Structure formats: structure tokens, C-alpha cells
């Protein structure tokens, strides 16, 4: 639902979660 330089915000069944891009696949 949103993207910044270092994170993605993912809308899940339990709400929005911010996930760092670095170190994540």
C-alpha cells in the first residue's frame, strides 16, 4: 500500500505492517 526508500507497507488481514527492504526477500 505504500513504499518509501527503505520500507514497504503491506496491508494484511491484521492491518498495515511496515517491512524494511534491507535484509528482506
PDBML (XML) file of the C-alpha atoms, coordinates in Angstrom:
<?xml version="1.0" encoding="UTF-8" ?>
<PDBx:datablock datablockName="MODEL"
   xmlns:PDBx="http://pdbml.pdb.org/schema/pdbx-v50.xsd"
   xmlns:xsi="http://www.w3.org/2001/XMLSchema-instance"
   xsi:schemaLocation="http://pdbml.pdb.org/schema/pdbx-v50.xsd pdbx-v50.xsd">
   <PDBx:atom_siteCategory>
      <PDBx:atom_site id="1">
         <PDBx:B_iso_or_equiv>0.00</PDBx:B_iso_or_equiv>
         <PDBx:Cartn_x>0.000</PDBx:Cartn_x>
         <PDBx:Cartn_y>0.000</PDBx:Cartn_y>
         <PDBx:Cartn_z>0.000</PDBx:Cartn_z>
         <PDBx:auth_asym_id>A</PDBx:auth_asym_id>
         <PDBx:auth_atom_id>CA</PDBx:auth_atom_id>
         <PDBx:auth_comp_id>UNK</PDBx:auth_comp_id>
         <PDBx:auth_seq_id>1</PDBx:auth_seq_id>
         <PDBx:group_PDB>ATOM</PDBx:group_PDB>
         <PDBx:label_alt_id xsi:nil="true" />
         <PDBx:label_asym_id>A</PDBx:label_asym_id>
         <PDBx:label_atom_id>CA</PDBx:label_atom_id>
         <PDBx:label_comp_id>UNK</PDBx:label_comp_id>
         <PDBx:label_entity_id>1</PDBx:label_entity_id>
         <PDBx:label_seq_id>1</PDBx:label_seq_id>
         <PDBx:occupancy>1.00</PDBx:occupancy>
         <PDBx:pdbx_PDB_model_num>1</PDBx:pdbx_PDB_model_num>
         <PDBx:type_symbol>C</PDBx:type_symbol>
      </PDBx:atom_site>
      <PDBx:atom_site id="2">
         <PDBx:B_iso_or_equiv>0.00</PDBx:B_iso_or_equiv>
         <PDBx:Cartn_x>2.992</PDBx:Cartn_x>
         <PDBx:Cartn_y>2.296</PDBx:Cartn_y>
         <PDBx:Cartn_z>0.382</PDBx:Cartn_z>
         <PDBx:auth_asym_id>A</PDBx:auth_asym_id>
         <PDBx:auth_atom_id>CA</PDBx:auth_atom_id>
         <PDBx:auth_comp_id>UNK</PDBx:auth_comp_id>
         <PDBx:auth_seq_id>2</PDBx:auth_seq_id>
         <PDBx:group_PDB>ATOM</PDBx:group_PDB>
         <PDBx:label_alt_id xsi:nil="true" />
         <PDBx:label_asym_id>A</PDBx:label_asym_id>
         <PDBx:label_atom_id>CA</PDBx:label_atom_id>
         <PDBx:label_comp_id>UNK</PDBx:label_comp_id>
         <PDBx:label_entity_id>1</PDBx:label_entity_id>
         <PDBx:label_seq_id>2</PDBx:label_seq_id>
         <PDBx:occupancy>1.00</PDBx:occupancy>
         <PDBx:pdbx_PDB_model_num>1</PDBx:pdbx_PDB_model_num>
         <PDBx:type_symbol>C</PDBx:type_symbol>
      </PDBx:atom_site>
      <PDBx:atom_site id="3">
         <PDBx:B_iso_or_equiv>0.00</PDBx:B_iso_or_equiv>
         <PDBx:Cartn_x>6.675</PDBx:Cartn_x>
         <PDBx:Cartn_y>2.412</PDBx:Cartn_y>
         <PDBx:Cartn_z>-0.433</PDBx:Cartn_z>
         <PDBx:auth_asym_id>A</PDBx:auth_asym_id>
         <PDBx:auth_atom_id>CA</PDBx:auth_atom_id>
         <PDBx:auth_comp_id>UNK</PDBx:auth_comp_id>
         <PDBx:auth_seq_id>3</PDBx:auth_seq_id>
         <PDBx:group_PDB>ATOM</PDBx:group_PDB>
         <PDBx:label_alt_id xsi:nil="true" />
         <PDBx:label_asym_id>A</PDBx:label_asym_id>
         <PDBx:label_atom_id>CA</PDBx:label_atom_id>
         <PDBx:label_comp_id>UNK</PDBx:label_comp_id>
         <PDBx:label_entity_id>1</PDBx:label_entity_id>
         <PDBx:label_seq_id>3</PDBx:label_seq_id>
         <PDBx:occupancy>1.00</PDBx:occupancy>
         <PDBx:pdbx_PDB_model_num>1</PDBx:pdbx_PDB_model_num>
         <PDBx:type_symbol>C</PDBx:type_symbol>
      </PDBx:atom_site>
      <PDBx:atom_site id="4">
         <PDBx:B_iso_or_equiv>0.00</PDBx:B_iso_or_equiv>
         <PDBx:Cartn_x>9.454</PDBx:Cartn_x>
         <PDBx:Cartn_y>4.572</PDBx:Cartn_y>
         <PDBx:Cartn_z>0.927</PDBx:Cartn_z>
         <PDBx:auth_asym_id>A</PDBx:auth_asym_id>
         <PDBx:auth_atom_id>CA</PDBx:auth_atom_id>
         <PDBx:auth_comp_id>UNK</PDBx:auth_comp_id>
         <PDBx:auth_seq_id>4</PDBx:auth_seq_id>
         <PDBx:group_PDB>ATOM</PDBx:group_PDB>
         <PDBx:label_alt_id xsi:nil="true" />
         <PDBx:label_asym_id>A</PDBx:label_asym_id>
         <PDBx:label_atom_id>CA</PDBx:label_atom_id>
         <PDBx:label_comp_id>UNK</PDBx:label_comp_id>
         <PDBx:label_entity_id>1</PDBx:label_entity_id>
         <PDBx:label_seq_id>4</PDBx:label_seq_id>
         <PDBx:occupancy>1.00</PDBx:occupancy>
         <PDBx:pdbx_PDB_model_num>1</PDBx:pdbx_PDB_model_num>
         <PDBx:type_symbol>C</PDBx:type_symbol>
      </PDBx:atom_site>
      <PDBx:atom_site id="5">
         <PDBx:B_iso_or_equiv>0.00</PDBx:B_iso_or_equiv>
         <PDBx:Cartn_x>13.173</PDBx:Cartn_x>
         <PDBx:Cartn_y>4.450</PDBx:Cartn_y>
         <PDBx:Cartn_z>0.246</PDBx:Cartn_z>
         <PDBx:auth_asym_id>A</PDBx:auth_asym_id>
         <PDBx:auth_atom_id>CA</PDBx:auth_atom_id>
         <PDBx:auth_comp_id>UNK</PDBx:auth_comp_id>
         <PDBx:auth_seq_id>5</PDBx:auth_seq_id>
         <PDBx:group_PDB>ATOM</PDBx:group_PDB>
         <PDBx:label_alt_id xsi:nil="true" />
         <PDBx:label_asym_id>A</PDBx:label_asym_id>
         <PDBx:label_atom_id>CA</PDBx:label_atom_id>
         <PDBx:label_comp_id>UNK</PDBx:label_comp_id>
         <PDBx:label_entity_id>1</PDBx:label_entity_id>
         <PDBx:label_seq_id>5</PDBx:label_seq_id>
         <PDBx:occupancy>1.00</PDBx:occupancy>
         <PDBx:pdbx_PDB_model_num>1</PDBx:pdbx_PDB_model_num>
         <PDBx:type_symbol>C</PDBx:type_symbol>
      </PDBx:atom_site>
      <PDBx:atom_site id="6">
         <PDBx:B_iso_or_equiv>0.00</PDBx:B_iso_or_equiv>
         <PDBx:Cartn_x>13.786</PDBx:Cartn_x>
         <PDBx:Cartn_y>1.897</PDBx:Cartn_y>
         <PDBx:Cartn_z>2.987</PDBx:Cartn_z>
         <PDBx:auth_asym_id>A</PDBx:auth_asym_id>
         <PDBx:auth_atom_id>CA</PDBx:auth_atom_id>
         <PDBx:auth_comp_id>UNK</PDBx:auth_comp_id>
         <PDBx:auth_seq_id>6</PDBx:auth_seq_id>
         <PDBx:group_PDB>ATOM</PDBx:group_PDB>
         <PDBx:label_alt_id xsi:nil="true" />
         <PDBx:label_asym_id>A</PDBx:label_asym_id>
         <PDBx:label_atom_id>CA</PDBx:label_atom_id>
         <PDBx:label_comp_id>UNK</PDBx:label_comp_id>
         <PDBx:label_entity_id>1</PDBx:label_entity_id>
         <PDBx:label_seq_id>6</PDBx:label_seq_id>
         <PDBx:occupancy>1.00</PDBx:occupancy>
         <PDBx:pdbx_PDB_model_num>1</PDBx:pdbx_PDB_model_num>
         <PDBx:type_symbol>C</PDBx:type_symbol>
      </PDBx:atom_site>
      <PDBx:atom_site id="7">
         <PDBx:B_iso_or_equiv>0.00</PDBx:B_iso_or_equiv>
         <PDBx:Cartn_x>10.422</PDBx:Cartn_x>
         <PDBx:Cartn_y>0.225</PDBx:Cartn_y>
         <PDBx:Cartn_z>3.678</PDBx:Cartn_z>
         <PDBx:auth_asym_id>A</PDBx:auth_asym_id>
         <PDBx:auth_atom_id>CA</PDBx:auth_atom_id>
         <PDBx:auth_comp_id>UNK</PDBx:auth_comp_id>
         <PDBx:auth_seq_id>7</PDBx:auth_seq_id>
         <PDBx:group_PDB>ATOM</PDBx:group_PDB>
         <PDBx:label_alt_id xsi:nil="true" />
         <PDBx:label_asym_id>A</PDBx:label_asym_id>
         <PDBx:label_atom_id>CA</PDBx:label_atom_id>
         <PDBx:label_comp_id>UNK</PDBx:label_comp_id>
         <PDBx:label_entity_id>1</PDBx:label_entity_id>
         <PDBx:label_seq_id>7</PDBx:label_seq_id>
         <PDBx:occupancy>1.00</PDBx:occupancy>
         <PDBx:pdbx_PDB_model_num>1</PDBx:pdbx_PDB_model_num>
         <PDBx:type_symbol>C</PDBx:type_symbol>
      </PDBx:atom_site>
      <PDBx:atom_site id="8">
         <PDBx:B_iso_or_equiv>0.00</PDBx:B_iso_or_equiv>
         <PDBx:Cartn_x>7.330</PDBx:Cartn_x>
         <PDBx:Cartn_y>-1.322</PDBx:Cartn_y>
         <PDBx:Cartn_z>2.140</PDBx:Cartn_z>
         <PDBx:auth_asym_id>A</PDBx:auth_asym_id>
         <PDBx:auth_atom_id>CA</PDBx:auth_atom_id>
         <PDBx:auth_comp_id>UNK</PDBx:auth_comp_id>
         <PDBx:auth_seq_id>8</PDBx:auth_seq_id>
         <PDBx:group_PDB>ATOM</PDBx:group_PDB>
         <PDBx:label_alt_id xsi:nil="true" />
         <PDBx:label_asym_id>A</PDBx:label_asym_id>
         <PDBx:label_atom_id>CA</PDBx:label_atom_id>
         <PDBx:label_comp_id>UNK</PDBx:label_comp_id>
         <PDBx:label_entity_id>1</PDBx:label_entity_id>
         <PDBx:label_seq_id>8</PDBx:label_seq_id>
         <PDBx:occupancy>1.00</PDBx:occupancy>
         <PDBx:pdbx_PDB_model_num>1</PDBx:pdbx_PDB_model_num>
         <PDBx:type_symbol>C</PDBx:type_symbol>
      </PDBx:atom_site>
      <PDBx:atom_site id="9">
         <PDBx:B_iso_or_equiv>0.00</PDBx:B_iso_or_equiv>
         <PDBx:Cartn_x>3.986</PDBx:Cartn_x>
         <PDBx:Cartn_y>-1.057</PDBx:Cartn_y>
         <PDBx:Cartn_z>3.916</PDBx:Cartn_z>
         <PDBx:auth_asym_id>A</PDBx:auth_asym_id>
         <PDBx:auth_atom_id>CA</PDBx:auth_atom_id>
         <PDBx:auth_comp_id>UNK</PDBx:auth_comp_id>
         <PDBx:auth_seq_id>9</PDBx:auth_seq_id>
         <PDBx:group_PDB>ATOM</PDBx:group_PDB>
         <PDBx:label_alt_id xsi:nil="true" />
         <PDBx:label_asym_id>A</PDBx:label_asym_id>
         <PDBx:label_atom_id>CA</PDBx:label_atom_id>
         <PDBx:label_comp_id>UNK</PDBx:label_comp_id>
         <PDBx:label_entity_id>1</PDBx:label_entity_id>
         <PDBx:label_seq_id>9</PDBx:label_seq_id>
         <PDBx:occupancy>1.00</PDBx:occupancy>
         <PDBx:pdbx_PDB_model_num>1</PDBx:pdbx_PDB_model_num>
         <PDBx:type_symbol>C</PDBx:type_symbol>
      </PDBx:atom_site>
      <PDBx:atom_site id="10">
         <PDBx:B_iso_or_equiv>0.00</PDBx:B_iso_or_equiv>
         <PDBx:Cartn_x>1.956</PDBx:Cartn_x>
         <PDBx:Cartn_y>-4.221</PDBx:Cartn_y>
         <PDBx:Cartn_z>3.402</PDBx:Cartn_z>
         <PDBx:auth_asym_id>A</PDBx:auth_asym_id>
         <PDBx:auth_atom_id>CA</PDBx:auth_atom_id>
         <PDBx:auth_comp_id>UNK</PDBx:auth_comp_id>
         <PDBx:auth_seq_id>10</PDBx:auth_seq_id>
         <PDBx:group_PDB>ATOM</PDBx:group_PDB>
         <PDBx:label_alt_id xsi:nil="true" />
         <PDBx:label_asym_id>A</PDBx:label_asym_id>
         <PDBx:label_atom_id>CA</PDBx:label_atom_id>
         <PDBx:label_comp_id>UNK</PDBx:label_comp_id>
         <PDBx:label_entity_id>1</PDBx:label_entity_id>
         <PDBx:label_seq_id>10</PDBx:label_seq_id>
         <PDBx:occupancy>1.00</PDBx:occupancy>
         <PDBx:pdbx_PDB_model_num>1</PDBx:pdbx_PDB_model_num>
         <PDBx:type_symbol>C</PDBx:type_symbol>
      </PDBx:atom_site>
      <PDBx:atom_site id="11">
         <PDBx:B_iso_or_equiv>0.00</PDBx:B_iso_or_equiv>
         <PDBx:Cartn_x>-1.791</PDBx:Cartn_x>
         <PDBx:Cartn_y>-4.370</PDBx:Cartn_y>
         <PDBx:Cartn_z>4.078</PDBx:Cartn_z>
         <PDBx:auth_asym_id>A</PDBx:auth_asym_id>
         <PDBx:auth_atom_id>CA</PDBx:auth_atom_id>
         <PDBx:auth_comp_id>UNK</PDBx:auth_comp_id>
         <PDBx:auth_seq_id>11</PDBx:auth_seq_id>
         <PDBx:group_PDB>ATOM</PDBx:group_PDB>
         <PDBx:label_alt_id xsi:nil="true" />
         <PDBx:label_asym_id>A</PDBx:label_asym_id>
         <PDBx:label_atom_id>CA</PDBx:label_atom_id>
         <PDBx:label_comp_id>UNK</PDBx:label_comp_id>
         <PDBx:label_entity_id>1</PDBx:label_entity_id>
         <PDBx:label_seq_id>11</PDBx:label_seq_id>
         <PDBx:occupancy>1.00</PDBx:occupancy>
         <PDBx:pdbx_PDB_model_num>1</PDBx:pdbx_PDB_model_num>
         <PDBx:type_symbol>C</PDBx:type_symbol>
      </PDBx:atom_site>
      <PDBx:atom_site id="12">
         <PDBx:B_iso_or_equiv>0.00</PDBx:B_iso_or_equiv>
         <PDBx:Cartn_x>-2.540</PDBx:Cartn_x>
         <PDBx:Cartn_y>-7.727</PDBx:Cartn_y>
         <PDBx:Cartn_z>5.719</PDBx:Cartn_z>
         <PDBx:auth_asym_id>A</PDBx:auth_asym_id>
         <PDBx:auth_atom_id>CA</PDBx:auth_atom_id>
         <PDBx:auth_comp_id>UNK</PDBx:auth_comp_id>
         <PDBx:auth_seq_id>12</PDBx:auth_seq_id>
         <PDBx:group_PDB>ATOM</PDBx:group_PDB>
         <PDBx:label_alt_id xsi:nil="true" />
         <PDBx:label_asym_id>A</PDBx:label_asym_id>
         <PDBx:label_atom_id>CA</PDBx:label_atom_id>
         <PDBx:label_comp_id>UNK</PDBx:label_comp_id>
         <PDBx:label_entity_id>1</PDBx:label_entity_id>
         <PDBx:label_seq_id>12</PDBx:label_seq_id>
         <PDBx:occupancy>1.00</PDBx:occupancy>
         <PDBx:pdbx_PDB_model_num>1</PDBx:pdbx_PDB_model_num>
         <PDBx:type_symbol>C</PDBx:type_symbol>
      </PDBx:atom_site>
      <PDBx:atom_site id="13">
         <PDBx:B_iso_or_equiv>0.00</PDBx:B_iso_or_equiv>
         <PDBx:Cartn_x>-5.659</PDBx:Cartn_x>
         <PDBx:Cartn_y>-9.231</PDBx:Cartn_y>
         <PDBx:Cartn_z>7.275</PDBx:Cartn_z>
         <PDBx:auth_asym_id>A</PDBx:auth_asym_id>
         <PDBx:auth_atom_id>CA</PDBx:auth_atom_id>
         <PDBx:auth_comp_id>UNK</PDBx:auth_comp_id>
         <PDBx:auth_seq_id>13</PDBx:auth_seq_id>
         <PDBx:group_PDB>ATOM</PDBx:group_PDB>
         <PDBx:label_alt_id xsi:nil="true" />
         <PDBx:label_asym_id>A</PDBx:label_asym_id>
         <PDBx:label_atom_id>CA</PDBx:label_atom_id>
         <PDBx:label_comp_id>UNK</PDBx:label_comp_id>
         <PDBx:label_entity_id>1</PDBx:label_entity_id>
         <PDBx:label_seq_id>13</PDBx:label_seq_id>
         <PDBx:occupancy>1.00</PDBx:occupancy>
         <PDBx:pdbx_PDB_model_num>1</PDBx:pdbx_PDB_model_num>
         <PDBx:type_symbol>C</PDBx:type_symbol>
      </PDBx:atom_site>
      <PDBx:atom_site id="14">
         <PDBx:B_iso_or_equiv>0.00</PDBx:B_iso_or_equiv>
         <PDBx:Cartn_x>-4.343</PDBx:Cartn_x>
         <PDBx:Cartn_y>-7.916</PDBx:Cartn_y>
         <PDBx:Cartn_z>10.623</PDBx:Cartn_z>
         <PDBx:auth_asym_id>A</PDBx:auth_asym_id>
         <PDBx:auth_atom_id>CA</PDBx:auth_atom_id>
         <PDBx:auth_comp_id>UNK</PDBx:auth_comp_id>
         <PDBx:auth_seq_id>14</PDBx:auth_seq_id>
         <PDBx:group_PDB>ATOM</PDBx:group_PDB>
         <PDBx:label_alt_id xsi:nil="true" />
         <PDBx:label_asym_id>A</PDBx:label_asym_id>
         <PDBx:label_atom_id>CA</PDBx:label_atom_id>
         <PDBx:label_comp_id>UNK</PDBx:label_comp_id>
         <PDBx:label_entity_id>1</PDBx:label_entity_id>
         <PDBx:label_seq_id>14</PDBx:label_seq_id>
         <PDBx:occupancy>1.00</PDBx:occupancy>
         <PDBx:pdbx_PDB_model_num>1</PDBx:pdbx_PDB_model_num>
         <PDBx:type_symbol>C</PDBx:type_symbol>
      </PDBx:atom_site>
      <PDBx:atom_site id="15">
         <PDBx:B_iso_or_equiv>0.00</PDBx:B_iso_or_equiv>
         <PDBx:Cartn_x>-3.662</PDBx:Cartn_x>
         <PDBx:Cartn_y>-4.364</PDBx:Cartn_y>
         <PDBx:Cartn_z>9.457</PDBx:Cartn_z>
         <PDBx:auth_asym_id>A</PDBx:auth_asym_id>
         <PDBx:auth_atom_id>CA</PDBx:auth_atom_id>
         <PDBx:auth_comp_id>UNK</PDBx:auth_comp_id>
         <PDBx:auth_seq_id>15</PDBx:auth_seq_id>
         <PDBx:group_PDB>ATOM</PDBx:group_PDB>
         <PDBx:label_alt_id xsi:nil="true" />
         <PDBx:label_asym_id>A</PDBx:label_asym_id>
         <PDBx:label_atom_id>CA</PDBx:label_atom_id>
         <PDBx:label_comp_id>UNK</PDBx:label_comp_id>
         <PDBx:label_entity_id>1</PDBx:label_entity_id>
         <PDBx:label_seq_id>15</PDBx:label_seq_id>
         <PDBx:occupancy>1.00</PDBx:occupancy>
         <PDBx:pdbx_PDB_model_num>1</PDBx:pdbx_PDB_model_num>
         <PDBx:type_symbol>C</PDBx:type_symbol>
      </PDBx:atom_site>
      <PDBx:atom_site id="16">
         <PDBx:B_iso_or_equiv>0.00</PDBx:B_iso_or_equiv>
         <PDBx:Cartn_x>-0.809</PDBx:Cartn_x>
         <PDBx:Cartn_y>-2.494</PDBx:Cartn_y>
         <PDBx:Cartn_z>7.815</PDBx:Cartn_z>
         <PDBx:auth_asym_id>A</PDBx:auth_asym_id>
         <PDBx:auth_atom_id>CA</PDBx:auth_atom_id>
         <PDBx:auth_comp_id>UNK</PDBx:auth_comp_id>
         <PDBx:auth_seq_id>16</PDBx:auth_seq_id>
         <PDBx:group_PDB>ATOM</PDBx:group_PDB>
         <PDBx:label_alt_id xsi:nil="true" />
         <PDBx:label_asym_id>A</PDBx:label_asym_id>
         <PDBx:label_atom_id>CA</PDBx:label_atom_id>
         <PDBx:label_comp_id>UNK</PDBx:label_comp_id>
         <PDBx:label_entity_id>1</PDBx:label_entity_id>
         <PDBx:label_seq_id>16</PDBx:label_seq_id>
         <PDBx:occupancy>1.00</PDBx:occupancy>
         <PDBx:pdbx_PDB_model_num>1</PDBx:pdbx_PDB_model_num>
         <PDBx:type_symbol>C</PDBx:type_symbol>
      </PDBx:atom_site>
      <PDBx:atom_site id="17">
         <PDBx:B_iso_or_equiv>0.00</PDBx:B_iso_or_equiv>
         <PDBx:Cartn_x>2.726</PDBx:Cartn_x>
         <PDBx:Cartn_y>-3.709</PDBx:Cartn_y>
         <PDBx:Cartn_z>8.548</PDBx:Cartn_z>
         <PDBx:auth_asym_id>A</PDBx:auth_asym_id>
         <PDBx:auth_atom_id>CA</PDBx:auth_atom_id>
         <PDBx:auth_comp_id>UNK</PDBx:auth_comp_id>
         <PDBx:auth_seq_id>17</PDBx:auth_seq_id>
         <PDBx:group_PDB>ATOM</PDBx:group_PDB>
         <PDBx:label_alt_id xsi:nil="true" />
         <PDBx:label_asym_id>A</PDBx:label_asym_id>
         <PDBx:label_atom_id>CA</PDBx:label_atom_id>
         <PDBx:label_comp_id>UNK</PDBx:label_comp_id>
         <PDBx:label_entity_id>1</PDBx:label_entity_id>
         <PDBx:label_seq_id>17</PDBx:label_seq_id>
         <PDBx:occupancy>1.00</PDBx:occupancy>
         <PDBx:pdbx_PDB_model_num>1</PDBx:pdbx_PDB_model_num>
         <PDBx:type_symbol>C</PDBx:type_symbol>
      </PDBx:atom_site>
      <PDBx:atom_site id="18">
         <PDBx:B_iso_or_equiv>0.00</PDBx:B_iso_or_equiv>
         <PDBx:Cartn_x>5.898</PDBx:Cartn_x>
         <PDBx:Cartn_y>-1.783</PDBx:Cartn_y>
         <PDBx:Cartn_z>7.722</PDBx:Cartn_z>
         <PDBx:auth_asym_id>A</PDBx:auth_asym_id>
         <PDBx:auth_atom_id>CA</PDBx:auth_atom_id>
         <PDBx:auth_comp_id>UNK</PDBx:auth_comp_id>
         <PDBx:auth_seq_id>18</PDBx:auth_seq_id>
         <PDBx:group_PDB>ATOM</PDBx:group_PDB>
         <PDBx:label_alt_id xsi:nil="true" />
         <PDBx:label_asym_id>A</PDBx:label_asym_id>
         <PDBx:label_atom_id>CA</PDBx:label_atom_id>
         <PDBx:label_comp_id>UNK</PDBx:label_comp_id>
         <PDBx:label_entity_id>1</PDBx:label_entity_id>
         <PDBx:label_seq_id>18</PDBx:label_seq_id>
         <PDBx:occupancy>1.00</PDBx:occupancy>
         <PDBx:pdbx_PDB_model_num>1</PDBx:pdbx_PDB_model_num>
         <PDBx:type_symbol>C</PDBx:type_symbol>
      </PDBx:atom_site>
      <PDBx:atom_site id="19">
         <PDBx:B_iso_or_equiv>0.00</PDBx:B_iso_or_equiv>
         <PDBx:Cartn_x>8.708</PDBx:Cartn_x>
         <PDBx:Cartn_y>-4.050</PDBx:Cartn_y>
         <PDBx:Cartn_z>6.498</PDBx:Cartn_z>
         <PDBx:auth_asym_id>A</PDBx:auth_asym_id>
         <PDBx:auth_atom_id>CA</PDBx:auth_atom_id>
         <PDBx:auth_comp_id>UNK</PDBx:auth_comp_id>
         <PDBx:auth_seq_id>19</PDBx:auth_seq_id>
         <PDBx:group_PDB>ATOM</PDBx:group_PDB>
         <PDBx:label_alt_id xsi:nil="true" />
         <PDBx:label_asym_id>A</PDBx:label_asym_id>
         <PDBx:label_atom_id>CA</PDBx:label_atom_id>
         <PDBx:label_comp_id>UNK</PDBx:label_comp_id>
         <PDBx:label_entity_id>1</PDBx:label_entity_id>
         <PDBx:label_seq_id>19</PDBx:label_seq_id>
         <PDBx:occupancy>1.00</PDBx:occupancy>
         <PDBx:pdbx_PDB_model_num>1</PDBx:pdbx_PDB_model_num>
         <PDBx:type_symbol>C</PDBx:type_symbol>
      </PDBx:atom_site>
      <PDBx:atom_site id="20">
         <PDBx:B_iso_or_equiv>0.00</PDBx:B_iso_or_equiv>
         <PDBx:Cartn_x>12.303</PDBx:Cartn_x>
         <PDBx:Cartn_y>-2.868</PDBx:Cartn_y>
         <PDBx:Cartn_z>5.976</PDBx:Cartn_z>
         <PDBx:auth_asym_id>A</PDBx:auth_asym_id>
         <PDBx:auth_atom_id>CA</PDBx:auth_atom_id>
         <PDBx:auth_comp_id>UNK</PDBx:auth_comp_id>
         <PDBx:auth_seq_id>20</PDBx:auth_seq_id>
         <PDBx:group_PDB>ATOM</PDBx:group_PDB>
         <PDBx:label_alt_id xsi:nil="true" />
         <PDBx:label_asym_id>A</PDBx:label_asym_id>
         <PDBx:label_atom_id>CA</PDBx:label_atom_id>
         <PDBx:label_comp_id>UNK</PDBx:label_comp_id>
         <PDBx:label_entity_id>1</PDBx:label_entity_id>
         <PDBx:label_seq_id>20</PDBx:label_seq_id>
         <PDBx:occupancy>1.00</PDBx:occupancy>
         <PDBx:pdbx_PDB_model_num>1</PDBx:pdbx_PDB_model_num>
         <PDBx:type_symbol>C</PDBx:type_symbol>
      </PDBx:atom_site>
      <PDBx:atom_site id="21">
         <PDBx:B_iso_or_equiv>0.00</PDBx:B_iso_or_equiv>
         <PDBx:Cartn_x>13.670</PDBx:Cartn_x>
         <PDBx:Cartn_y>-3.553</PDBx:Cartn_y>
         <PDBx:Cartn_z>2.482</PDBx:Cartn_z>
         <PDBx:auth_asym_id>A</PDBx:auth_asym_id>
         <PDBx:auth_atom_id>CA</PDBx:auth_atom_id>
         <PDBx:auth_comp_id>UNK</PDBx:auth_comp_id>
         <PDBx:auth_seq_id>21</PDBx:auth_seq_id>
         <PDBx:group_PDB>ATOM</PDBx:group_PDB>
         <PDBx:label_alt_id xsi:nil="true" />
         <PDBx:label_asym_id>A</PDBx:label_asym_id>
         <PDBx:label_atom_id>CA</PDBx:label_atom_id>
         <PDBx:label_comp_id>UNK</PDBx:label_comp_id>
         <PDBx:label_entity_id>1</PDBx:label_entity_id>
         <PDBx:label_seq_id>21</PDBx:label_seq_id>
         <PDBx:occupancy>1.00</PDBx:occupancy>
         <PDBx:pdbx_PDB_model_num>1</PDBx:pdbx_PDB_model_num>
         <PDBx:type_symbol>C</PDBx:type_symbol>
      </PDBx:atom_site>
      <PDBx:atom_site id="22">
         <PDBx:B_iso_or_equiv>0.00</PDBx:B_iso_or_equiv>
         <PDBx:Cartn_x>17.232</PDBx:Cartn_x>
         <PDBx:Cartn_y>-4.140</PDBx:Cartn_y>
         <PDBx:Cartn_z>3.639</PDBx:Cartn_z>
         <PDBx:auth_asym_id>A</PDBx:auth_asym_id>
         <PDBx:auth_atom_id>CA</PDBx:auth_atom_id>
         <PDBx:auth_comp_id>UNK</PDBx:auth_comp_id>
         <PDBx:auth_seq_id>22</PDBx:auth_seq_id>
         <PDBx:group_PDB>ATOM</PDBx:group_PDB>
         <PDBx:label_alt_id xsi:nil="true" />
         <PDBx:label_asym_id>A</PDBx:label_asym_id>
         <PDBx:label_atom_id>CA</PDBx:label_atom_id>
         <PDBx:label_comp_id>UNK</PDBx:label_comp_id>
         <PDBx:label_entity_id>1</PDBx:label_entity_id>
         <PDBx:label_seq_id>22</PDBx:label_seq_id>
         <PDBx:occupancy>1.00</PDBx:occupancy>
         <PDBx:pdbx_PDB_model_num>1</PDBx:pdbx_PDB_model_num>
         <PDBx:type_symbol>C</PDBx:type_symbol>
      </PDBx:atom_site>
      <PDBx:atom_site id="23">
         <PDBx:B_iso_or_equiv>0.00</PDBx:B_iso_or_equiv>
         <PDBx:Cartn_x>17.824</PDBx:Cartn_x>
         <PDBx:Cartn_y>-7.743</PDBx:Cartn_y>
         <PDBx:Cartn_z>4.641</PDBx:Cartn_z>
         <PDBx:auth_asym_id>A</PDBx:auth_asym_id>
         <PDBx:auth_atom_id>CA</PDBx:auth_atom_id>
         <PDBx:auth_comp_id>UNK</PDBx:auth_comp_id>
         <PDBx:auth_seq_id>23</PDBx:auth_seq_id>
         <PDBx:group_PDB>ATOM</PDBx:group_PDB>
         <PDBx:label_alt_id xsi:nil="true" />
         <PDBx:label_asym_id>A</PDBx:label_asym_id>
         <PDBx:label_atom_id>CA</PDBx:label_atom_id>
         <PDBx:label_comp_id>UNK</PDBx:label_comp_id>
         <PDBx:label_entity_id>1</PDBx:label_entity_id>
         <PDBx:label_seq_id>23</PDBx:label_seq_id>
         <PDBx:occupancy>1.00</PDBx:occupancy>
         <PDBx:pdbx_PDB_model_num>1</PDBx:pdbx_PDB_model_num>
         <PDBx:type_symbol>C</PDBx:type_symbol>
      </PDBx:atom_site>
      <PDBx:atom_site id="24">
         <PDBx:B_iso_or_equiv>0.00</PDBx:B_iso_or_equiv>
         <PDBx:Cartn_x>14.381</PDBx:Cartn_x>
         <PDBx:Cartn_y>-8.847</PDBx:Cartn_y>
         <PDBx:Cartn_z>3.394</PDBx:Cartn_z>
         <PDBx:auth_asym_id>A</PDBx:auth_asym_id>
         <PDBx:auth_atom_id>CA</PDBx:auth_atom_id>
         <PDBx:auth_comp_id>UNK</PDBx:auth_comp_id>
         <PDBx:auth_seq_id>24</PDBx:auth_seq_id>
         <PDBx:group_PDB>ATOM</PDBx:group_PDB>
         <PDBx:label_alt_id xsi:nil="true" />
         <PDBx:label_asym_id>A</PDBx:label_asym_id>
         <PDBx:label_atom_id>CA</PDBx:label_atom_id>
         <PDBx:label_comp_id>UNK</PDBx:label_comp_id>
         <PDBx:label_entity_id>1</PDBx:label_entity_id>
         <PDBx:label_seq_id>24</PDBx:label_seq_id>
         <PDBx:occupancy>1.00</PDBx:occupancy>
         <PDBx:pdbx_PDB_model_num>1</PDBx:pdbx_PDB_model_num>
         <PDBx:type_symbol>C</PDBx:type_symbol>
      </PDBx:atom_site>
      <PDBx:atom_site id="25">
         <PDBx:B_iso_or_equiv>0.00</PDBx:B_iso_or_equiv>
         <PDBx:Cartn_x>13.461</PDBx:Cartn_x>
         <PDBx:Cartn_y>-11.070</PDBx:Cartn_y>
         <PDBx:Cartn_z>0.454</PDBx:Cartn_z>
         <PDBx:auth_asym_id>A</PDBx:auth_asym_id>
         <PDBx:auth_atom_id>CA</PDBx:auth_atom_id>
         <PDBx:auth_comp_id>UNK</PDBx:auth_comp_id>
         <PDBx:auth_seq_id>25</PDBx:auth_seq_id>
         <PDBx:group_PDB>ATOM</PDBx:group_PDB>
         <PDBx:label_alt_id xsi:nil="true" />
         <PDBx:label_asym_id>A</PDBx:label_asym_id>
         <PDBx:label_atom_id>CA</PDBx:label_atom_id>
         <PDBx:label_comp_id>UNK</PDBx:label_comp_id>
         <PDBx:label_entity_id>1</PDBx:label_entity_id>
         <PDBx:label_seq_id>25</PDBx:label_seq_id>
         <PDBx:occupancy>1.00</PDBx:occupancy>
         <PDBx:pdbx_PDB_model_num>1</PDBx:pdbx_PDB_model_num>
         <PDBx:type_symbol>C</PDBx:type_symbol>
      </PDBx:atom_site>
   </PDBx:atom_siteCategory>
</PDBx:datablock>
